[in-house]
PDB file of N, CA and C in Angstrom:
ATOM      1  N   MET A   1       0.676  -1.307  -0.056  1.00  0.00           N
ATOM      2  CA  MET A   1      -0.109   0.010  -0.091  1.00  0.00           C
ATOM      3  C   MET A   1       0.774   1.195  -0.102  1.00  0.00           C
ATOM      4  N   LYS A   2       0.392   2.192  -0.601  1.00  0.00           N
ATOM      5  CA  LYS A   2       1.158   3.532  -0.906  1.00  0.00           C
ATOM      6  C   LYS A   2       0.520   4.466  -0.184  1.00  0.00           C
ATOM      7  N   ALA A   3       1.237   5.398   0.639  1.00  0.00           N
ATOM      8  CA  ALA A   3       0.674   6.637   1.144  1.00  0.00           C
ATOM      9  C   ALA A   3       1.421   7.853   0.799  1.00  0.00           C
ATOM     10  N   HIS A   4       0.537   8.812   0.412  1.00  0.00           N
ATOM     11  CA  HIS A   4       1.318  10.114  -0.222  1.00  0.00           C
ATOM     12  C   HIS A   4       1.196  11.256   1.042  1.00  0.00           C
ATOM     13  N   VAL A   5       2.163  11.931   1.575  1.00  0.00           N
ATOM     14  CA  VAL A   5       2.042  12.892   2.989  1.00  0.00           C
ATOM     15  C   VAL A   5       2.553  14.045   2.183  1.00  0.00           C
ATOM     16  N   THR A   6       1.872  15.253   2.191  1.00  0.00           N
ATOM     17  CA  THR A   6       2.081  16.250   1.481  1.00  0.00           C
ATOM     18  C   THR A   6       2.403  17.623   2.761  1.00  0.00           C
ATOM     19  N   VAL A   7       3.490  17.989   2.772  1.00  0.00           N
ATOM     20  CA  VAL A   7       3.900  18.746   4.064  1.00  0.00           C
ATOM     21  C   VAL A   7       4.058  20.237   3.386  1.00  0.00           C
ATOM     22  N   MET A   8       3.523  21.326   4.118  1.00  0.00           N
ATOM     23  CA  MET A   8       3.355  22.351   3.672  1.00  0.00           C
ATOM     24  C   MET A   8       3.752  23.407   4.952  1.00  0.00           C
ATOM     25  N   LEU A   9       4.270  24.725   4.642  1.00  0.00           N
ATOM     26  CA  LEU A   9       4.351  25.469   5.929  1.00  0.00           C
ATOM     27  C   LEU A   9       3.019  25.958   6.289  1.00  0.00           C
ATOM     28  N   LYS A  10       3.000  26.249   7.453  1.00  0.00           N
ATOM     29  CA  LYS A  10       1.218  26.715   7.744  1.00  0.00           C
ATOM     30  C   LYS A  10       1.396  28.246   7.490  1.00  0.00           C
ATOM     31  N   ASN A  11       0.092  28.626   7.214  1.00  0.00           N
ATOM     32  CA  ASN A  11      -0.299  29.985   6.946  1.00  0.00           C
ATOM     33  C   ASN A  11       0.310  31.010   7.878  1.00  0.00           C
ATOM     34  N   GLY A  12       0.863  32.060   7.420  1.00  0.00           N
ATOM     35  CA  GLY A  12       1.640  33.052   8.534  1.00  0.00           C
ATOM     36  C   GLY A  12       3.188  32.598   8.678  1.00  0.00           C
ATOM     37  N   VAL A  13       3.731  31.682   7.973  1.00  0.00           N
ATOM     38  CA  VAL A  13       5.016  31.163   8.360  1.00  0.00           C
ATOM     39  C   VAL A  13       5.758  31.564   7.209  1.00  0.00           C
ATOM     40  N   LEU A  14       6.723  32.599   7.113  1.00  0.00           N
ATOM     41  CA  LEU A  14       7.373  33.027   6.013  1.00  0.00           C
ATOM     42  C   LEU A  14       7.914  31.869   5.154  1.00  0.00           C
ATOM     43  N   ASP A  15       7.847  31.877   3.720  1.00  0.00           N
ATOM     44  CA  ASP A  15       8.590  30.824   3.012  1.00  0.00           C
ATOM     45  C   ASP A  15       9.333  31.629   1.825  1.00  0.00           C
ATOM     46  N   PRO A  16      10.573  31.494   2.341  1.00  0.00           N
ATOM     47  CA  PRO A  16      11.456  32.410   1.425  1.00  0.00           C
ATOM     48  C   PRO A  16      11.825  31.689   0.043  1.00  0.00           C
ATOM     49  N   GLN A  17      11.943  30.343   0.339  1.00  0.00           N
ATOM     50  CA  GLN A  17      11.939  29.445  -1.028  1.00  0.00           C
ATOM     51  C   GLN A  17      10.856  29.622  -2.057  1.00  0.00           C
ATOM     52  N   GLY A  18       9.566  29.849  -1.505  1.00  0.00           N
ATOM     53  CA  GLY A  18       8.416  30.139  -2.358  1.00  0.00           C
ATOM     54  C   GLY A  18       8.297  31.529  -2.705  1.00  0.00           C
ATOM     55  N   GLU A  19       8.766  32.513  -2.121  1.00  0.00           N
ATOM     56  CA  GLU A  19       9.260  34.091  -2.292  1.00  0.00           C
ATOM     57  C   GLU A  19      10.311  34.072  -3.837  1.00  0.00           C
ATOM     58  N   ALA A  20      11.266  33.260  -3.715  1.00  0.00           N
ATOM     59  CA  ALA A  20      12.365  33.180  -4.626  1.00  0.00           C
ATOM     60  C   ALA A  20      11.667  32.522  -5.921  1.00  0.00           C
ATOM     61  N   VAL A  21      11.011  31.527  -5.790  1.00  0.00           N
ATOM     62  CA  VAL A  21      10.240  31.145  -6.779  1.00  0.00           C
ATOM     63  C   VAL A  21       9.283  32.178  -7.643  1.00  0.00           C
ATOM     64  N   ARG A  22       8.514  32.606  -6.762  1.00  0.00           N
ATOM     65  CA  ARG A  22       7.664  33.520  -7.266  1.00  0.00           C
ATOM     66  C   ARG A  22       8.222  34.661  -8.067  1.00  0.00           C
ATOM     67  N   HIS A  23       9.511  35.298  -7.362  1.00  0.00           N
ATOM     68  CA  HIS A  23      10.271  36.169  -7.969  1.00  0.00           C
ATOM     69  C   HIS A  23      11.148  35.704  -9.381  1.00  0.00           C
ATOM     70  N   ALA A  24      11.641  34.654  -9.305  1.00  0.00           N
ATOM     71  CA  ALA A  24      12.045  33.959 -10.651  1.00  0.00           C
ATOM     72  C   ALA A  24      10.809  33.937 -11.578  1.00  0.00           C
ATOM     73  N   LEU A  25       9.917  33.390 -11.376  1.00  0.00           N
ATOM     74  CA  LEU A  25       8.559  33.557 -12.282  1.00  0.00           C
ATOM     75  C   LEU A  25       8.432  34.680 -13.086  1.00  0.00           C
ATOM     76  N   GLY A  26       8.246  35.486 -12.153  1.00  0.00           N
ATOM     77  CA  GLY A  26       8.186  37.086 -12.749  1.00  0.00           C
ATOM     78  C   GLY A  26       9.340  37.388 -13.595  1.00  0.00           C
ATOM     79  N   ALA A  27      10.492  37.299 -13.315  1.00  0.00           N
ATOM     80  CA  ALA A  27      11.814  37.545 -14.250  1.00  0.00           C
ATOM     81  C   ALA A  27      11.617  36.814 -15.344  1.00  0.00           C
ATOM     82  N   LEU A  28      10.660  35.635 -15.336  1.00  0.00           N
ATOM     83  CA  LEU A  28      10.531  34.985 -16.648  1.00  0.00           C
ATOM     84  C   LEU A  28       9.718  35.409 -17.495  1.00  0.00           C
ATOM     85  N   GLY A  29       8.991  36.318 -16.995  1.00  0.00           N
ATOM     86  CA  GLY A  29       7.473  36.891 -17.768  1.00  0.00           C
ATOM     87  C   GLY A  29       6.420  36.469 -17.337  1.00  0.00           C
ATOM     88  N   PHE A  30       6.189  35.592 -16.179  1.00  0.00           N
ATOM     89  CA  PHE A  30       5.066  35.250 -15.623  1.00  0.00           C
ATOM     90  C   PHE A  30       4.489  36.065 -14.660  1.00  0.00           C
ATOM     91  N   GLU A  31       3.967  37.203 -14.980  1.00  0.00           N
ATOM     92  CA  GLU A  31       3.650  38.203 -14.114  1.00  0.00           C
ATOM     93  C   GLU A  31       2.209  38.110 -13.231  1.00  0.00           C
ATOM     94  N   GLY A  32       1.329  36.920 -13.523  1.00  0.00           N
ATOM     95  CA  GLY A  32       0.397  36.818 -12.949  1.00  0.00           C
ATOM     96  C   GLY A  32       0.411  36.201 -11.778  1.00  0.00           C
ATOM     97  N   VAL A  33       1.483  35.483 -11.045  1.00  0.00           N
ATOM     98  CA  VAL A  33       1.614  34.768  -9.989  1.00  0.00           C
ATOM     99  C   VAL A  33       1.633  35.880  -8.635  1.00  0.00           C
ATOM    100  N   ARG A  34       0.883  35.624  -8.077  1.00  0.00           N
ATOM    101  CA  ARG A  34       0.906  36.679  -6.683  1.00  0.00           C
ATOM    102  C   ARG A  34       1.533  35.963  -5.743  1.00  0.00           C
ATOM    103  N   GLY A  35       1.386  34.696  -5.491  1.00  0.00           N
ATOM    104  CA  GLY A  35       2.213  34.198  -4.250  1.00  0.00           C
ATOM    105  C   GLY A  35       2.547  32.501  -4.636  1.00  0.00           C
ATOM    106  N   VAL A  36       3.743  32.201  -4.189  1.00  0.00           N
ATOM    107  CA  VAL A  36       3.844  30.819  -4.094  1.00  0.00           C
ATOM    108  C   VAL A  36       4.228  30.283  -2.732  1.00  0.00           C
ATOM    109  N   ARG A  37       3.879  29.018  -2.464  1.00  0.00           N
ATOM    110  CA  ARG A  37       4.110  28.227  -1.388  1.00  0.00           C
ATOM    111  C   ARG A  37       4.965  26.986  -1.663  1.00  0.00           C
ATOM    112  N   GLN A  38       5.867  26.678  -1.278  1.00  0.00           N
ATOM    113  CA  GLN A  38       6.568  25.523  -1.404  1.00  0.00           C
ATOM    114  C   GLN A  38       6.657  24.388  -0.316  1.00  0.00           C
ATOM    115  N   GLY A  39       6.120  23.313  -0.879  1.00  0.00           N
ATOM    116  CA  GLY A  39       6.286  22.209   0.229  1.00  0.00           C
ATOM    117  C   GLY A  39       7.017  20.906  -0.179  1.00  0.00           C
ATOM    118  N   LYS A  40       6.717  19.675   0.364  1.00  0.00           N
ATOM    119  CA  LYS A  40       7.441  18.641  -0.181  1.00  0.00           C
ATOM    120  C   LYS A  40       6.125  17.288  -0.299  1.00  0.00           C
ATOM    121  N   VAL A  41       6.345  16.365  -1.023  1.00  0.00           N
ATOM    122  CA  VAL A  41       5.469  15.239  -1.056  1.00  0.00           C
ATOM    123  C   VAL A  41       6.423  14.026  -0.613  1.00  0.00           C
ATOM    124  N   ILE A  42       6.036  13.427   0.317  1.00  0.00           N
ATOM    125  CA  ILE A  42       6.637  11.928   0.476  1.00  0.00           C
ATOM    126  C   ILE A  42       5.932  10.901   0.112  1.00  0.00           C
ATOM    127  N   GLU A  43       6.520  10.021  -0.594  1.00  0.00           N
ATOM    128  CA  GLU A  43       5.638   8.561  -0.704  1.00  0.00           C
ATOM    129  C   GLU A  43       6.248   7.591  -0.112  1.00  0.00           C
ATOM    130  N   LEU A  44       5.227   6.929   0.786  1.00  0.00           N
ATOM    131  CA  LEU A  44       5.752   5.701   1.680  1.00  0.00           C
ATOM    132  C   LEU A  44       5.053   4.547   0.714  1.00  0.00           C
ATOM    133  N   ASP A  45       5.872   3.535   0.821  1.00  0.00           N
ATOM    134  CA  ASP A  45       5.400   2.377   0.198  1.00  0.00           C
ATOM    135  C   ASP A  45       5.387   1.366   1.900  1.00  0.00           C
ATOM    136  N   LEU A  46       4.438   1.347   1.980  1.00  0.00           N
ATOM    137  CA  LEU A  46       4.013   0.511   3.287  1.00  0.00           C
ATOM    138  C   LEU A  46       3.790  -0.997   3.341  1.00  0.00           C
ATOM    139  N   ALA A  47       4.008  -1.946   4.281  1.00  0.00           N
ATOM    140  CA  ALA A  47       3.596  -2.822   4.348  1.00  0.00           C
ATOM    141  C   ALA A  47       2.197  -3.172   4.570  1.00  0.00           C
ATOM    142  N   ASP A  48       1.554  -4.351   4.333  1.00  0.00           N
ATOM    143  CA  ASP A  48       0.321  -4.587   4.687  1.00  0.00           C
ATOM    144  C   ASP A  48      -0.070  -4.513   5.964  1.00  0.00           C
ATOM    145  N   GLY A  49      -1.330  -4.030   6.233  1.00  0.00           N
ATOM    146  CA  GLY A  49      -1.523  -3.889   7.635  1.00  0.00           C
ATOM    147  C   GLY A  49      -1.515  -2.453   8.135  1.00  0.00           C
ATOM    148  N   ALA A  50      -0.627  -1.703   7.544  1.00  0.00           N
ATOM    149  CA  ALA A  50      -0.267  -0.365   8.012  1.00  0.00           C
ATOM    150  C   ALA A  50      -1.519   0.575   7.932  1.00  0.00           C
ATOM    151  N   THR A  51      -1.544   1.423   9.041  1.00  0.00           N
ATOM    152  CA  THR A  51      -2.778   2.277   8.939  1.00  0.00           C
ATOM    153  C   THR A  51      -2.785   3.796   8.720  1.00  0.00           C
ATOM    154  N   GLU A  52      -3.521   4.623   8.394  1.00  0.00           N
ATOM    155  CA  GLU A  52      -3.516   5.893   8.315  1.00  0.00           C
ATOM    156  C   GLU A  52      -2.976   6.391   9.851  1.00  0.00           C
ATOM    157  N   ALA A  53      -3.568   5.858  10.840  1.00  0.00           N
ATOM    158  CA  ALA A  53      -2.855   6.283  12.156  1.00  0.00           C
ATOM    159  C   ALA A  53      -1.237   6.185  12.385  1.00  0.00           C
ATOM    160  N   ASP A  54      -0.647   5.006  11.746  1.00  0.00           N
ATOM    161  CA  ASP A  54       0.481   4.777  11.585  1.00  0.00           C
ATOM    162  C   ASP A  54       1.290   6.046  10.843  1.00  0.00           C
ATOM    163  N   VAL A  55       0.713   6.187   9.786  1.00  0.00           N
ATOM    164  CA  VAL A  55       1.432   7.451   9.003  1.00  0.00           C
ATOM    165  C   VAL A  55       1.257   8.650   9.478  1.00  0.00           C
ATOM    166  N   LYS A  56      -0.085   8.838  10.354  1.00  0.00           N
ATOM    167  CA  LYS A  56      -0.014  10.107  11.165  1.00  0.00           C
ATOM    168  C   LYS A  56       0.935  10.179  12.120  1.00  0.00           C
ATOM    169  N   ALA A  57       1.349   9.268  13.121  1.00  0.00           N
ATOM    170  CA  ALA A  57       2.444   8.958  13.742  1.00  0.00           C
ATOM    171  C   ALA A  57       3.675   9.069  13.374  1.00  0.00           C
ATOM    172  N   MET A  58       4.087   8.801  12.045  1.00  0.00           N
ATOM    173  CA  MET A  58       5.490   9.008  11.573  1.00  0.00           C
ATOM    174  C   MET A  58       5.454  10.903  11.096  1.00  0.00           C
ATOM    175  N   CYS A  59       4.413  11.474  10.610  1.00  0.00           N
ATOM    176  CA  CYS A  59       4.481  12.727  10.507  1.00  0.00           C
ATOM    177  C   CYS A  59       4.533  13.402  11.680  1.00  0.00           C
ATOM    178  N   GLU A  60       3.835  13.268  13.024  1.00  0.00           N
ATOM    179  CA  GLU A  60       3.971  13.828  14.086  1.00  0.00           C
ATOM    180  C   GLU A  60       5.637  13.555  14.664  1.00  0.00           C
ATOM    181  N   ARG A  61       5.958  12.540  14.220  1.00  0.00           N
ATOM    182  CA  ARG A  61       7.320  12.197  14.960  1.00  0.00           C
ATOM    183  C   ARG A  61       8.478  12.757  14.262  1.00  0.00           C
ATOM    184  N   LEU A  62       8.528  12.457  12.682  1.00  0.00           N
ATOM    185  CA  LEU A  62       9.540  13.043  12.004  1.00  0.00           C
ATOM    186  C   LEU A  62       9.193  13.681  10.593  1.00  0.00           C
ATOM    187  N   LEU A  63       8.132  13.391  10.033  1.00  0.00           N
ATOM    188  CA  LEU A  63       8.044  13.777   8.579  1.00  0.00           C
ATOM    189  C   LEU A  63       7.660  15.325   8.610  1.00  0.00           C
ATOM    190  N   ALA A  64       7.191  15.885   9.627  1.00  0.00           N
ATOM    191  CA  ALA A  64       6.643  17.299   9.666  1.00  0.00           C
ATOM    192  C   ALA A  64       7.140  17.760  10.884  1.00  0.00           C
ATOM    193  N   ASN A  65       7.499  19.204  10.844  1.00  0.00           N
ATOM    194  CA  ASN A  65       7.796  19.768  11.935  1.00  0.00           C
ATOM    195  C   ASN A  65       6.458  20.529  12.360  1.00  0.00           C
ATOM    196  N   THR A  66       5.675  19.901  13.320  1.00  0.00           N
ATOM    197  CA  THR A  66       4.215  20.375  13.296  1.00  0.00           C
ATOM    198  C   THR A  66       4.144  21.968  14.008  1.00  0.00           C
ATOM    199  N   VAL A  67       5.124  22.332  14.439  1.00  0.00           N
ATOM    200  CA  VAL A  67       5.180  23.904  14.837  1.00  0.00           C
ATOM    201  C   VAL A  67       4.866  24.825  13.864  1.00  0.00           C
ATOM    202  N   ILE A  68       5.432  24.456  12.711  1.00  0.00           N
ATOM    203  CA  ILE A  68       5.467  25.503  11.563  1.00  0.00           C
ATOM    204  C   ILE A  68       5.045  24.855  10.115  1.00  0.00           C
ATOM    205  N   GLU A  69       4.904  23.329  10.113  1.00  0.00           N
ATOM    206  CA  GLU A  69       3.997  22.926   8.966  1.00  0.00           C
ATOM    207  C   GLU A  69       3.170  22.186   9.399  1.00  0.00           C
ATOM    208  N   SER A  70       2.154  21.944   8.304  1.00  0.00           N
ATOM    209  CA  SER A  70       0.963  21.311   8.433  1.00  0.00           C
ATOM    210  C   SER A  70       1.227  20.068   7.422  1.00  0.00           C
ATOM    211  N   TYR A  71       0.293  19.025   7.315  1.00  0.00           N
ATOM    212  CA  TYR A  71       0.638  17.699   6.469  1.00  0.00           C
ATOM    213  C   TYR A  71      -0.878  17.336   6.580  1.00  0.00           C
ATOM    214  N   ARG A  72      -0.810  16.726   5.098  1.00  0.00           N
ATOM    215  CA  ARG A  72      -2.035  16.016   4.621  1.00  0.00           C
ATOM    216  C   ARG A  72      -2.111  14.646   3.958  1.00  0.00           C
ATOM    217  N   ILE A  73      -2.476  13.718   4.528  1.00  0.00           N
ATOM    218  CA  ILE A  73      -2.245  12.162   4.133  1.00  0.00           C
ATOM    219  C   ILE A  73      -3.190  11.758   3.058  1.00  0.00           C
ATOM    220  N   GLU A  74      -2.615  10.999   2.041  1.00  0.00           N
ATOM    221  CA  GLU A  74      -3.597  10.125   1.309  1.00  0.00           C
ATOM    222  C   GLU A  74      -3.268   8.764   1.277  1.00  0.00           C
ATOM    223  N   MET A  75      -4.013   8.007   1.500  1.00  0.00           N
ATOM    224  CA  MET A  75      -3.794   6.496   1.406  1.00  0.00           C
ATOM    225  C   MET A  75      -3.930   5.716   0.038  1.00  0.00           C
TER     226      MET A  75
END
């Protein structure tokens, strides 16, 4: 079974990488981009019997810094 975890900075947390991408897009002529938030996607190949609760525990303990990041799990 596969799980996809999307980790993003929480709203209100400055995203310097996203801002650099927005600026670069503007320099390339893509003027309609008002904002960019950059995150990461983690794909987990899980053993049979793994649950969403297991993946949530992985996120809470390692995959996301829950102080400044939020995450979404897709099984």
